[in-house]
Amino acid sequence: MRKRNLFLELTQGIEEIKQHSKGKITLREYKIEGQFTPSVTSKMIREVRDSLNLSRAVFAHQLCVSPRTLEKWEQGISKPNVQAATLILLVRKYPDTIERLNALSSRRKSHSKNAVAA
């Protein structure tokens, strides 16, 4: 396996950029759209939990976070990461999301038990 010459690759890339800017060669161009960044408020998190009639401990377990973390989110001390915020928004819009996730995890458990028994 041959080692890459990063300096050579970089200088070639710079040369290609120069040629492209002069119109001598065509390079592929990519346009990246802005990504959706979900945002949830502490009030919204509490409202979602209340609408499901779940205790803080149960809702935290469903979100795979500690009850203390959920408490900090609800008090506005900290904010959930993008993945947790997205999940909370999904649960808000589609309350059966929690049940669907539970169904997936129970299938995984029963599947792994069957694999062990086999």
PDB file of N, CA and C in Angstrom:
ATOM      1  N   MET A   1       0.840  -1.171   0.000  1.00  0.00           N
ATOM      2  CA  MET A   1       0.000   0.000   0.000  1.00  0.00           C
ATOM      3  C   MET A   1       0.891   1.243   0.000  1.00  0.00           C
ATOM      4  N   ARG A   2       0.586   2.139  -0.926  1.00  0.00           N
ATOM      5  CA  ARG A   2       1.398   3.327  -1.092  1.00  0.00           C
ATOM      6  C   ARG A   2       0.913   4.454  -0.193  1.00  0.00           C
ATOM      7  N   LYS A   3       1.843   5.193   0.385  1.00  0.00           N
ATOM      8  CA  LYS A   3       1.495   6.331   1.241  1.00  0.00           C
ATOM      9  C   LYS A   3       0.996   7.489   0.391  1.00  0.00           C
ATOM     10  N   ARG A   4       0.024   8.210   0.930  1.00  0.00           N
ATOM     11  CA  ARG A   4      -0.488   9.388   0.235  1.00  0.00           C
ATOM     12  C   ARG A   4       0.475  10.547   0.417  1.00  0.00           C
ATOM     13  N   ASN A   5       0.613  11.332  -0.620  1.00  0.00           N
ATOM     14  CA  ASN A   5       1.414  12.542  -0.553  1.00  0.00           C
ATOM     15  C   ASN A   5       0.438  13.712  -0.414  1.00  0.00           C
ATOM     16  N   LEU A   6       0.141  14.081   0.819  1.00  0.00           N
ATOM     17  CA  LEU A   6      -0.854  15.120   1.064  1.00  0.00           C
ATOM     18  C   LEU A   6      -0.445  16.470   0.492  1.00  0.00           C
ATOM     19  N   PHE A   7       0.838  16.778   0.559  1.00  0.00           N
ATOM     20  CA  PHE A   7       1.303  18.052   0.014  1.00  0.00           C
ATOM     21  C   PHE A   7       1.012  18.115  -1.483  1.00  0.00           C
ATOM     22  N   LEU A   8       1.305  17.037  -2.188  1.00  0.00           N
ATOM     23  CA  LEU A   8       1.058  16.987  -3.628  1.00  0.00           C
ATOM     24  C   LEU A   8      -0.438  17.113  -3.918  1.00  0.00           C
ATOM     25  N   GLU A   9      -1.268  16.405  -3.149  1.00  0.00           N
ATOM     26  CA  GLU A   9      -2.716  16.477  -3.354  1.00  0.00           C
ATOM     27  C   GLU A   9      -3.238  17.894  -3.118  1.00  0.00           C
ATOM     28  N   LEU A  10      -2.738  18.552  -2.086  1.00  0.00           N
ATOM     29  CA  LEU A  10      -3.173  19.922  -1.801  1.00  0.00           C
ATOM     30  C   LEU A  10      -2.744  20.892  -2.893  1.00  0.00           C
ATOM     31  N   THR A  11      -1.514  20.776  -3.341  1.00  0.00           N
ATOM     32  CA  THR A  11      -1.046  21.694  -4.396  1.00  0.00           C
ATOM     33  C   THR A  11      -1.805  21.449  -5.697  1.00  0.00           C
ATOM     34  N   GLN A  12      -2.121  20.196  -5.997  1.00  0.00           N
ATOM     35  CA  GLN A  12      -2.913  19.913  -7.199  1.00  0.00           C
ATOM     36  C   GLN A  12      -4.312  20.508  -7.063  1.00  0.00           C
ATOM     37  N   GLY A  13      -4.893  20.385  -5.863  1.00  0.00           N
ATOM     38  CA  GLY A  13      -6.216  20.946  -5.621  1.00  0.00           C
ATOM     39  C   GLY A  13      -6.231  22.455  -5.779  1.00  0.00           C
ATOM     40  N   ILE A  14      -5.209  23.115  -5.270  1.00  0.00           N
ATOM     41  CA  ILE A  14      -5.115  24.576  -5.402  1.00  0.00           C
ATOM     42  C   ILE A  14      -4.963  24.966  -6.866  1.00  0.00           C
ATOM     43  N   GLU A  15      -4.169  24.217  -7.584  1.00  0.00           N
ATOM     44  CA  GLU A  15      -3.986  24.486  -9.019  1.00  0.00           C
ATOM     45  C   GLU A  15      -5.305  24.306  -9.771  1.00  0.00           C
ATOM     46  N   GLU A  16      -6.066  23.275  -9.413  1.00  0.00           N
ATOM     47  CA  GLU A  16      -7.363  23.053 -10.061  1.00  0.00           C
ATOM     48  C   GLU A  16      -8.331  24.191  -9.755  1.00  0.00           C
ATOM     49  N   ILE A  17      -8.292  24.718  -8.546  1.00  0.00           N
ATOM     50  CA  ILE A  17      -9.149  25.855  -8.194  1.00  0.00           C
ATOM     51  C   ILE A  17      -8.782  27.066  -9.047  1.00  0.00           C
ATOM     52  N   LYS A  18      -7.495  27.302  -9.238  1.00  0.00           N
ATOM     53  CA  LYS A  18      -7.049  28.424 -10.081  1.00  0.00           C
ATOM     54  C   LYS A  18      -7.541  28.242 -11.509  1.00  0.00           C
ATOM     55  N   GLN A  19      -7.380  27.026 -12.040  1.00  0.00           N
ATOM     56  CA  GLN A  19      -7.812  26.748 -13.412  1.00  0.00           C
ATOM     57  C   GLN A  19      -9.331  26.923 -13.545  1.00  0.00           C
ATOM     58  N   HIS A  20     -10.057  26.488 -12.534  1.00  0.00           N
ATOM     59  CA  HIS A  20     -11.515  26.611 -12.547  1.00  0.00           C
ATOM     60  C   HIS A  20     -11.927  28.082 -12.532  1.00  0.00           C
ATOM     61  N   SER A  21     -11.277  28.888 -11.707  1.00  0.00           N
ATOM     62  CA  SER A  21     -11.635  30.310 -11.625  1.00  0.00           C
ATOM     63  C   SER A  21     -11.351  31.043 -12.935  1.00  0.00           C
ATOM     64  N   LYS A  22     -10.392  30.539 -13.724  1.00  0.00           N
ATOM     65  CA  LYS A  22     -10.085  31.132 -15.028  1.00  0.00           C
ATOM     66  C   LYS A  22     -10.989  30.577 -16.126  1.00  0.00           C
ATOM     67  N   GLY A  23     -11.829  29.594 -15.778  1.00  0.00           N
ATOM     68  CA  GLY A  23     -12.738  29.009 -16.759  1.00  0.00           C
ATOM     69  C   GLY A  23     -12.100  27.940 -17.624  1.00  0.00           C
ATOM     70  N   LYS A  24     -10.935  27.470 -17.253  1.00  0.00           N
ATOM     71  CA  LYS A  24     -10.224  26.486 -18.073  1.00  0.00           C
ATOM     72  C   LYS A  24     -10.681  25.054 -17.804  1.00  0.00           C
ATOM     73  N   ILE A  25     -11.155  24.776 -16.602  1.00  0.00           N
ATOM     74  CA  ILE A  25     -11.673  23.440 -16.297  1.00  0.00           C
ATOM     75  C   ILE A  25     -12.982  23.573 -15.526  1.00  0.00           C
ATOM     76  N   THR A  26     -13.765  22.510 -15.566  1.00  0.00           N
ATOM     77  CA  THR A  26     -15.031  22.488 -14.839  1.00  0.00           C
ATOM     78  C   THR A  26     -14.900  21.528 -13.665  1.00  0.00           C
ATOM     79  N   LEU A  27     -15.241  22.018 -12.503  1.00  0.00           N
ATOM     80  CA  LEU A  27     -15.221  21.185 -11.305  1.00  0.00           C
ATOM     81  C   LEU A  27     -16.656  20.959 -10.837  1.00  0.00           C
ATOM     82  N   ARG A  28     -16.869  19.860 -10.142  1.00  0.00           N
ATOM     83  CA  ARG A  28     -18.181  19.613  -9.553  1.00  0.00           C
ATOM     84  C   ARG A  28     -18.405  20.605  -8.421  1.00  0.00           C
ATOM     85  N   GLU A  29     -19.603  21.134  -8.377  1.00  0.00           N
ATOM     86  CA  GLU A  29     -19.948  22.066  -7.310  1.00  0.00           C
ATOM     87  C   GLU A  29     -21.120  21.499  -6.526  1.00  0.00           C
ATOM     88  N   TYR A  30     -21.085  21.689  -5.235  1.00  0.00           N
ATOM     89  CA  TYR A  30     -22.147  21.213  -4.361  1.00  0.00           C
ATOM     90  C   TYR A  30     -22.704  22.386  -3.584  1.00  0.00           C
ATOM     91  N   LYS A  31     -24.017  22.453  -3.535  1.00  0.00           N
ATOM     92  CA  LYS A  31     -24.665  23.488  -2.743  1.00  0.00           C
ATOM     93  C   LYS A  31     -25.313  22.795  -1.552  1.00  0.00           C
ATOM     94  N   ILE A  32     -24.932  23.201  -0.374  1.00  0.00           N
ATOM     95  CA  ILE A  32     -25.442  22.575   0.836  1.00  0.00           C
ATOM     96  C   ILE A  32     -26.486  23.496   1.453  1.00  0.00           C
ATOM     97  N   GLU A  33     -27.687  22.962   1.609  1.00  0.00           N
ATOM     98  CA  GLU A  33     -28.772  23.725   2.216  1.00  0.00           C
ATOM     99  C   GLU A  33     -28.568  23.783   3.723  1.00  0.00           C
ATOM    100  N   GLY A  34     -29.112  24.799   4.331  1.00  0.00           N
ATOM    101  CA  GLY A  34     -29.051  24.907   5.787  1.00  0.00           C
ATOM    102  C   GLY A  34     -29.811  23.759   6.430  1.00  0.00           C
ATOM    103  N   GLN A  35     -29.286  23.229   7.488  1.00  0.00           N
ATOM    104  CA  GLN A  35     -29.928  22.111   8.156  1.00  0.00           C
ATOM    105  C   GLN A  35     -30.953  22.604   9.165  1.00  0.00           C
ATOM    106  N   PHE A  36     -31.978  21.791   9.351  1.00  0.00           N
ATOM    107  CA  PHE A  36     -33.001  22.072  10.350  1.00  0.00           C
ATOM    108  C   PHE A  36     -32.409  21.827  11.727  1.00  0.00           C
ATOM    109  N   THR A  37     -32.459  22.822  12.561  1.00  0.00           N
ATOM    110  CA  THR A  37     -31.979  22.673  13.929  1.00  0.00           C
ATOM    111  C   THR A  37     -33.183  22.784  14.856  1.00  0.00           C
ATOM    112  N   PRO A  38     -33.594  21.653  15.427  1.00  0.00           N
ATOM    113  CA  PRO A  38     -34.782  21.689  16.276  1.00  0.00           C
ATOM    114  C   PRO A  38     -34.540  22.490  17.548  1.00  0.00           C
ATOM    115  N   SER A  39     -35.578  23.140  17.988  1.00  0.00           N
ATOM    116  CA  SER A  39     -35.473  23.928  19.210  1.00  0.00           C
ATOM    117  C   SER A  39     -36.681  23.620  20.085  1.00  0.00           C
ATOM    118  N   VAL A  40     -36.423  23.280  21.325  1.00  0.00           N
ATOM    119  CA  VAL A  40     -37.502  23.039  22.277  1.00  0.00           C
ATOM    120  C   VAL A  40     -37.249  23.894  23.516  1.00  0.00           C
ATOM    121  N   THR A  41     -38.329  24.344  24.100  1.00  0.00           N
ATOM    122  CA  THR A  41     -38.217  25.146  25.320  1.00  0.00           C
ATOM    123  C   THR A  41     -38.478  24.258  26.535  1.00  0.00           C
ATOM    124  N   SER A  42     -38.093  24.750  27.676  1.00  0.00           N
ATOM    125  CA  SER A  42     -38.328  23.997  28.910  1.00  0.00           C
ATOM    126  C   SER A  42     -39.833  23.803  29.129  1.00  0.00           C
ATOM    127  N   LYS A  43     -40.602  24.824  28.807  1.00  0.00           N
ATOM    128  CA  LYS A  43     -42.060  24.742  28.955  1.00  0.00           C
ATOM    129  C   LYS A  43     -42.631  23.673  28.025  1.00  0.00           C
ATOM    130  N   MET A  44     -42.129  23.622  26.803  1.00  0.00           N
ATOM    131  CA  MET A  44     -42.605  22.647  25.828  1.00  0.00           C
ATOM    132  C   MET A  44     -42.317  21.217  26.298  1.00  0.00           C
ATOM    133  N   ILE A  45     -41.133  21.003  26.847  1.00  0.00           N
ATOM    134  CA  ILE A  45     -40.762  19.666  27.325  1.00  0.00           C
ATOM    135  C   ILE A  45     -41.718  19.234  28.434  1.00  0.00           C
ATOM    136  N   ARG A  46     -41.984  20.129  29.356  1.00  0.00           N
ATOM    137  CA  ARG A  46     -42.899  19.826  30.468  1.00  0.00           C
ATOM    138  C   ARG A  46     -44.305  19.551  29.944  1.00  0.00           C
ATOM    139  N   GLU A  47     -44.754  20.349  28.971  1.00  0.00           N
ATOM    140  CA  GLU A  47     -46.095  20.161  28.408  1.00  0.00           C
ATOM    141  C   GLU A  47     -46.224  18.809  27.714  1.00  0.00           C
ATOM    142  N   VAL A  48     -45.173  18.401  27.004  1.00  0.00           N
ATOM    143  CA  VAL A  48     -45.197  17.095  26.332  1.00  0.00           C
ATOM    144  C   VAL A  48     -45.310  15.988  27.372  1.00  0.00           C
ATOM    145  N   ARG A  49     -44.512  16.077  28.411  1.00  0.00           N
ATOM    146  CA  ARG A  49     -44.548  15.054  29.471  1.00  0.00           C
ATOM    147  C   ARG A  49     -45.914  15.023  30.148  1.00  0.00           C
ATOM    148  N   ASP A  50     -46.449  16.202  30.454  1.00  0.00           N
ATOM    149  CA  ASP A  50     -47.765  16.273  31.099  1.00  0.00           C
ATOM    150  C   ASP A  50     -48.866  15.722  30.195  1.00  0.00           C
ATOM    151  N   SER A  51     -48.771  16.004  28.891  1.00  0.00           N
ATOM    152  CA  SER A  51     -49.803  15.523  27.967  1.00  0.00           C
ATOM    153  C   SER A  51     -49.820  13.999  27.881  1.00  0.00           C
ATOM    154  N   LEU A  52     -48.690  13.378  28.166  1.00  0.00           N
ATOM    155  CA  LEU A  52     -48.607  11.916  28.150  1.00  0.00           C
ATOM    156  C   LEU A  52     -48.922  11.308  29.518  1.00  0.00           C
ATOM    157  N   ASN A  53     -49.143  12.163  30.510  1.00  0.00           N
ATOM    158  CA  ASN A  53     -49.399  11.721  31.889  1.00  0.00           C
ATOM    159  C   ASN A  53     -48.290  10.806  32.403  1.00  0.00           C
ATOM    160  N   LEU A  54     -47.046  11.205  32.160  1.00  0.00           N
ATOM    161  CA  LEU A  54     -45.900  10.419  32.606  1.00  0.00           C
ATOM    162  C   LEU A  54     -45.157  11.159  33.707  1.00  0.00           C
ATOM    163  N   SER A  55     -44.636  10.396  34.635  1.00  0.00           N
ATOM    164  CA  SER A  55     -43.778  10.998  35.656  1.00  0.00           C
ATOM    165  C   SER A  55     -42.461  11.391  34.999  1.00  0.00           C
ATOM    166  N   ARG A  56     -41.714  12.207  35.688  1.00  0.00           N
ATOM    167  CA  ARG A  56     -40.411  12.625  35.173  1.00  0.00           C
ATOM    168  C   ARG A  56     -39.500  11.406  34.973  1.00  0.00           C
ATOM    169  N   ALA A  57     -39.519  10.488  35.930  1.00  0.00           N
ATOM    170  CA  ALA A  57     -38.651   9.304  35.851  1.00  0.00           C
ATOM    171  C   ALA A  57     -39.012   8.425  34.655  1.00  0.00           C
ATOM    172  N   VAL A  58     -40.309   8.224  34.428  1.00  0.00           N
ATOM    173  CA  VAL A  58     -40.743   7.368  33.315  1.00  0.00           C
ATOM    174  C   VAL A  58     -40.432   8.034  31.980  1.00  0.00           C
ATOM    175  N   PHE A  59     -40.736   9.324  31.863  1.00  0.00           N
ATOM    176  CA  PHE A  59     -40.463  10.030  30.606  1.00  0.00           C
ATOM    177  C   PHE A  59     -38.966  10.063  30.324  1.00  0.00           C
ATOM    178  N   ALA A  60     -38.171  10.275  31.350  1.00  0.00           N
ATOM    179  CA  ALA A  60     -36.712  10.273  31.180  1.00  0.00           C
ATOM    180  C   ALA A  60     -36.245   8.913  30.678  1.00  0.00           C
ATOM    181  N   HIS A  61     -36.797   7.852  31.248  1.00  0.00           N
ATOM    182  CA  HIS A  61     -36.431   6.500  30.812  1.00  0.00           C
ATOM    183  C   HIS A  61     -36.798   6.298  29.343  1.00  0.00           C
ATOM    184  N   GLN A  62     -37.968   6.791  28.946  1.00  0.00           N
ATOM    185  CA  GLN A  62     -38.409   6.658  27.553  1.00  0.00           C
ATOM    186  C   GLN A  62     -37.478   7.407  26.597  1.00  0.00           C
ATOM    187  N   LEU A  63     -36.927   8.527  27.063  1.00  0.00           N
ATOM    188  CA  LEU A  63     -36.013   9.321  26.229  1.00  0.00           C
ATOM    189  C   LEU A  63     -34.559   8.859  26.350  1.00  0.00           C
ATOM    190  N   CYS A  64     -34.329   7.860  27.207  1.00  0.00           N
ATOM    191  CA  CYS A  64     -32.971   7.330  27.448  1.00  0.00           C
ATOM    192  C   CYS A  64     -32.045   8.385  28.054  1.00  0.00           C
ATOM    193  N   VAL A  65     -32.591   9.153  28.985  1.00  0.00           N
ATOM    194  CA  VAL A  65     -31.785  10.118  29.738  1.00  0.00           C
ATOM    195  C   VAL A  65     -32.092   9.926  31.219  1.00  0.00           C
ATOM    196  N   SER A  66     -31.271  10.492  32.064  1.00  0.00           N
ATOM    197  CA  SER A  66     -31.510  10.382  33.505  1.00  0.00           C
ATOM    198  C   SER A  66     -32.624  11.348  33.913  1.00  0.00           C
ATOM    199  N   PRO A  67     -33.338  11.024  34.994  1.00  0.00           N
ATOM    200  CA  PRO A  67     -34.364  11.954  35.489  1.00  0.00           C
ATOM    201  C   PRO A  67     -33.779  13.328  35.821  1.00  0.00           C
ATOM    202  N   ARG A  68     -32.558  13.362  36.299  1.00  0.00           N
ATOM    203  CA  ARG A  68     -31.903  14.639  36.627  1.00  0.00           C
ATOM    204  C   ARG A  68     -31.690  15.477  35.363  1.00  0.00           C
ATOM    205  N   THR A  69     -31.303  14.822  34.271  1.00  0.00           N
ATOM    206  CA  THR A  69     -31.117  15.537  33.002  1.00  0.00           C
ATOM    207  C   THR A  69     -32.438  16.130  32.539  1.00  0.00           C
ATOM    208  N   LEU A  70     -33.501  15.322  32.589  1.00  0.00           N
ATOM    209  CA  LEU A  70     -34.823  15.814  32.196  1.00  0.00           C
ATOM    210  C   LEU A  70     -35.251  16.973  33.088  1.00  0.00           C
ATOM    211  N   GLU A  71     -34.972  16.866  34.361  1.00  0.00           N
ATOM    212  CA  GLU A  71     -35.297  17.945  35.303  1.00  0.00           C
ATOM    213  C   GLU A  71     -34.583  19.237  34.901  1.00  0.00           C
ATOM    214  N   LYS A  72     -33.312  19.139  34.543  1.00  0.00           N
ATOM    215  CA  LYS A  72     -32.551  20.329  34.121  1.00  0.00           C
ATOM    216  C   LYS A  72     -33.140  20.926  32.847  1.00  0.00           C
ATOM    217  N   TRP A  73     -33.591  20.070  31.922  1.00  0.00           N
ATOM    218  CA  TRP A  73     -34.218  20.575  30.704  1.00  0.00           C
ATOM    219  C   TRP A  73     -35.502  21.315  31.043  1.00  0.00           C
ATOM    220  N   GLU A  74     -36.319  20.713  31.919  1.00  0.00           N
ATOM    221  CA  GLU A  74     -37.603  21.320  32.269  1.00  0.00           C
ATOM    222  C   GLU A  74     -37.436  22.616  33.056  1.00  0.00           C
ATOM    223  N   GLN A  75     -36.354  22.742  33.784  1.00  0.00           N
ATOM    224  CA  GLN A  75     -36.102  23.961  34.551  1.00  0.00           C
ATOM    225  C   GLN A  75     -35.348  25.008  33.735  1.00  0.00           C
ATOM    226  N   GLY A  76     -34.945  24.662  32.525  1.00  0.00           N
ATOM    227  CA  GLY A  76     -34.221  25.597  31.675  1.00  0.00           C
ATOM    228  C   GLY A  76     -32.766  25.757  32.047  1.00  0.00           C
ATOM    229  N   ILE A  77     -32.248  24.868  32.893  1.00  0.00           N
ATOM    230  CA  ILE A  77     -30.839  24.936  33.297  1.00  0.00           C
ATOM    231  C   ILE A  77     -29.936  24.493  32.150  1.00  0.00           C
ATOM    232  N   SER A  78     -30.384  23.461  31.431  1.00  0.00           N
ATOM    233  CA  SER A  78     -29.637  23.005  30.255  1.00  0.00           C
ATOM    234  C   SER A  78     -30.632  22.692  29.148  1.00  0.00           C
ATOM    235  N   LYS A  79     -30.104  22.448  27.954  1.00  0.00           N
ATOM    236  CA  LYS A  79     -30.957  22.169  26.798  1.00  0.00           C
ATOM    237  C   LYS A  79     -30.620  20.793  26.248  1.00  0.00           C
ATOM    238  N   PRO A  80     -31.615  20.114  25.686  1.00  0.00           N
ATOM    239  CA  PRO A  80     -31.342  18.808  25.085  1.00  0.00           C
ATOM    240  C   PRO A  80     -30.509  18.953  23.816  1.00  0.00           C
ATOM    241  N   ASN A  81     -29.745  17.901  23.496  1.00  0.00           N
ATOM    242  CA  ASN A  81     -28.984  17.925  22.251  1.00  0.00           C
ATOM    243  C   ASN A  81     -29.948  17.801  21.069  1.00  0.00           C
ATOM    244  N   VAL A  82     -29.429  17.893  19.874  1.00  0.00           N
ATOM    245  CA  VAL A  82     -30.263  17.898  18.670  1.00  0.00           C
ATOM    246  C   VAL A  82     -31.109  16.631  18.573  1.00  0.00           C
ATOM    247  N   GLN A  83     -30.511  15.481  18.870  1.00  0.00           N
ATOM    248  CA  GLN A  83     -31.241  14.224  18.753  1.00  0.00           C
ATOM    249  C   GLN A  83     -32.390  14.160  19.760  1.00  0.00           C
ATOM    250  N   ALA A  84     -32.130  14.544  20.996  1.00  0.00           N
ATOM    251  CA  ALA A  84     -33.175  14.517  22.026  1.00  0.00           C
ATOM    252  C   ALA A  84     -34.272  15.529  21.704  1.00  0.00           C
ATOM    253  N   ALA A  85     -33.887  16.706  21.231  1.00  0.00           N
ATOM    254  CA  ALA A  85     -34.875  17.726  20.872  1.00  0.00           C
ATOM    255  C   ALA A  85     -35.759  17.231  19.732  1.00  0.00           C
ATOM    256  N   THR A  86     -35.155  16.559  18.762  1.00  0.00           N
ATOM    257  CA  THR A  86     -35.921  16.006  17.644  1.00  0.00           C
ATOM    258  C   THR A  86     -36.909  14.963  18.146  1.00  0.00           C
ATOM    259  N   LEU A  87     -36.458  14.089  19.041  1.00  0.00           N
ATOM    260  CA  LEU A  87     -37.342  13.066  19.595  1.00  0.00           C
ATOM    261  C   LEU A  87     -38.495  13.704  20.365  1.00  0.00           C
ATOM    262  N   ILE A  88     -38.217  14.729  21.133  1.00  0.00           N
ATOM    263  CA  ILE A  88     -39.273  15.415  21.892  1.00  0.00           C
ATOM    264  C   ILE A  88     -40.290  16.041  20.939  1.00  0.00           C
ATOM    265  N   LEU A  89     -39.814  16.644  19.852  1.00  0.00           N
ATOM    266  CA  LEU A  89     -40.735  17.223  18.867  1.00  0.00           C
ATOM    267  C   LEU A  89     -41.572  16.142  18.191  1.00  0.00           C
ATOM    268  N   LEU A  90     -40.961  14.990  17.917  1.00  0.00           N
ATOM    269  CA  LEU A  90     -41.719  13.874  17.338  1.00  0.00           C
ATOM    270  C   LEU A  90     -42.800  13.389  18.299  1.00  0.00           C
ATOM    271  N   VAL A  91     -42.434  13.253  19.562  1.00  0.00           N
ATOM    272  CA  VAL A  91     -43.403  12.805  20.574  1.00  0.00           C
ATOM    273  C   VAL A  91     -44.520  13.837  20.716  1.00  0.00           C
ATOM    274  N   ARG A  92     -44.170  15.097  20.611  1.00  0.00           N
ATOM    275  CA  ARG A  92     -45.179  16.161  20.712  1.00  0.00           C
ATOM    276  C   ARG A  92     -46.187  16.058  19.569  1.00  0.00           C
ATOM    277  N   LYS A  93     -45.677  15.841  18.353  1.00  0.00           N
ATOM    278  CA  LYS A  93     -46.555  15.781  17.186  1.00  0.00           C
ATOM    279  C   LYS A  93     -47.244  14.425  17.064  1.00  0.00           C
ATOM    280  N   TYR A  94     -46.520  13.355  17.388  1.00  0.00           N
ATOM    281  CA  TYR A  94     -47.045  11.991  17.276  1.00  0.00           C
ATOM    282  C   TYR A  94     -46.877  11.291  18.630  1.00  0.00           C
ATOM    283  N   PRO A  95     -47.849  11.440  19.524  1.00  0.00           N
ATOM    284  CA  PRO A  95     -47.714  10.887  20.881  1.00  0.00           C
ATOM    285  C   PRO A  95     -47.460   9.382  20.927  1.00  0.00           C
ATOM    286  N   ASP A  96     -47.834   8.653  19.882  1.00  0.00           N
ATOM    287  CA  ASP A  96     -47.604   7.205  19.892  1.00  0.00           C
ATOM    288  C   ASP A  96     -46.147   6.839  19.606  1.00  0.00           C
ATOM    289  N   THR A  97     -45.300   7.831  19.415  1.00  0.00           N
ATOM    290  CA  THR A  97     -43.877   7.569  19.159  1.00  0.00           C
ATOM    291  C   THR A  97     -43.254   6.762  20.290  1.00  0.00           C
ATOM    292  N   ILE A  98     -43.583   7.080  21.518  1.00  0.00           N
ATOM    293  CA  ILE A  98     -43.036   6.360  22.674  1.00  0.00           C
ATOM    294  C   ILE A  98     -43.434   4.889  22.612  1.00  0.00           C
ATOM    295  N   GLU A  99     -44.717   4.620  22.316  1.00  0.00           N
ATOM    296  CA  GLU A  99     -45.182   3.235  22.220  1.00  0.00           C
ATOM    297  C   GLU A  99     -44.462   2.497  21.098  1.00  0.00           C
ATOM    298  N   ARG A 100     -44.262   3.173  19.983  1.00  0.00           N
ATOM    299  CA  ARG A 100     -43.564   2.541  18.853  1.00  0.00           C
ATOM    300  C   ARG A 100     -42.119   2.212  19.213  1.00  0.00           C
ATOM    301  N   LEU A 101     -41.460   3.109  19.915  1.00  0.00           N
ATOM    302  CA  LEU A 101     -40.085   2.841  20.346  1.00  0.00           C
ATOM    303  C   LEU A 101     -40.040   1.687  21.340  1.00  0.00           C
ATOM    304  N   ASN A 102     -41.026   1.636  22.232  1.00  0.00           N
ATOM    305  CA  ASN A 102     -41.097   0.520  23.177  1.00  0.00           C
ATOM    306  C   ASN A 102     -41.296  -0.800  22.446  1.00  0.00           C
ATOM    307  N   ALA A 103     -42.120  -0.785  21.403  1.00  0.00           N
ATOM    308  CA  ALA A 103     -42.350  -2.003  20.626  1.00  0.00           C
ATOM    309  C   ALA A 103     -41.055  -2.467  19.971  1.00  0.00           C
ATOM    310  N   LEU A 104     -40.258  -1.521  19.489  1.00  0.00           N
ATOM    311  CA  LEU A 104     -38.971  -1.890  18.883  1.00  0.00           C
ATOM    312  C   LEU A 104     -38.042  -2.508  19.907  1.00  0.00           C
ATOM    313  N   SER A 105     -37.964  -1.909  21.080  1.00  0.00           N
ATOM    314  CA  SER A 105     -37.037  -2.427  22.082  1.00  0.00           C
ATOM    315  C   SER A 105     -37.515  -3.770  22.618  1.00  0.00           C
ATOM    316  N   SER A 106     -38.825  -3.987  22.737  1.00  0.00           N
ATOM    317  CA  SER A 106     -39.302  -5.286  23.216  1.00  0.00           C
ATOM    318  C   SER A 106     -39.061  -6.358  22.164  1.00  0.00           C
ATOM    319  N   ARG A 107     -39.122  -5.998  20.883  1.00  0.00           N
ATOM    320  CA  ARG A 107     -38.803  -6.964  19.824  1.00  0.00           C
ATOM    321  C   ARG A 107     -37.344  -7.353  19.883  1.00  0.00           C
ATOM    322  N   ARG A 108     -36.485  -6.349  20.102  1.00  0.00           N
ATOM    323  CA  ARG A 108     -35.056  -6.633  20.193  1.00  0.00           C
ATOM    324  C   ARG A 108     -34.771  -7.572  21.354  1.00  0.00           C
ATOM    325  N   LYS A 109     -35.429  -7.325  22.483  1.00  0.00           N
ATOM    326  CA  LYS A 109     -35.212  -8.175  23.658  1.00  0.00           C
ATOM    327  C   LYS A 109     -35.667  -9.595  23.384  1.00  0.00           C
ATOM    328  N   SER A 110     -36.870  -9.755  22.800  1.00  0.00           N
ATOM    329  CA  SER A 110     -37.367 -11.105  22.541  1.00  0.00           C
ATOM    330  C   SER A 110     -36.531 -11.788  21.467  1.00  0.00           C
ATOM    331  N   HIS A 111     -36.056 -11.014  20.496  1.00  0.00           N
ATOM    332  CA  HIS A 111     -35.213 -11.586  19.449  1.00  0.00           C
ATOM    333  C   HIS A 111     -33.888 -12.073  20.028  1.00  0.00           C
ATOM    334  N   SER A 112     -33.298 -11.288  20.915  1.00  0.00           N
ATOM    335  CA  SER A 112     -32.021 -11.695  21.500  1.00  0.00           C
ATOM    336  C   SER A 112     -32.209 -12.896  22.423  1.00  0.00           C
ATOM    337  N   LYS A 113     -33.357 -13.002  23.109  1.00  0.00           N
ATOM    338  CA  LYS A 113     -33.621 -14.169  23.947  1.00  0.00           C
ATOM    339  C   LYS A 113     -33.736 -15.419  23.085  1.00  0.00           C
ATOM    340  N   ASN A 114     -34.412 -15.280  21.920  1.00  0.00           N
ATOM    341  CA  ASN A 114     -34.550 -16.418  21.013  1.00  0.00           C
ATOM    342  C   ASN A 114     -33.202 -16.839  20.464  1.00  0.00           C
ATOM    343  N   ALA A 115     -32.344 -15.879  20.185  1.00  0.00           N
ATOM    344  CA  ALA A 115     -31.018 -16.195  19.647  1.00  0.00           C
ATOM    345  C   ALA A 115     -30.190 -16.938  20.684  1.00  0.00           C
ATOM    346  N   VAL A 116     -30.325 -16.554  21.945  1.00  0.00           N
ATOM    347  CA  VAL A 116     -29.578 -17.218  23.012  1.00  0.00           C
ATOM    348  C   VAL A 116     -30.107 -18.629  23.220  1.00  0.00           C
ATOM    349  N   ALA A 117     -31.439 -18.792  23.129  1.00  0.00           N
ATOM    350  CA  ALA A 117     -32.041 -20.105  23.342  1.00  0.00           C
ATOM    351  C   ALA A 117     -31.701 -21.073  22.219  1.00  0.00           C
ATOM    352  N   ALA A 118     -31.463 -20.557  21.022  1.00  0.00           N
ATOM    353  CA  ALA A 118     -31.190 -21.411  19.855  1.00  0.00           C
ATOM    354  C   ALA A 118     -29.847 -22.014  19.877  1.00  0.00           C
TER     355      ALA A 118
END
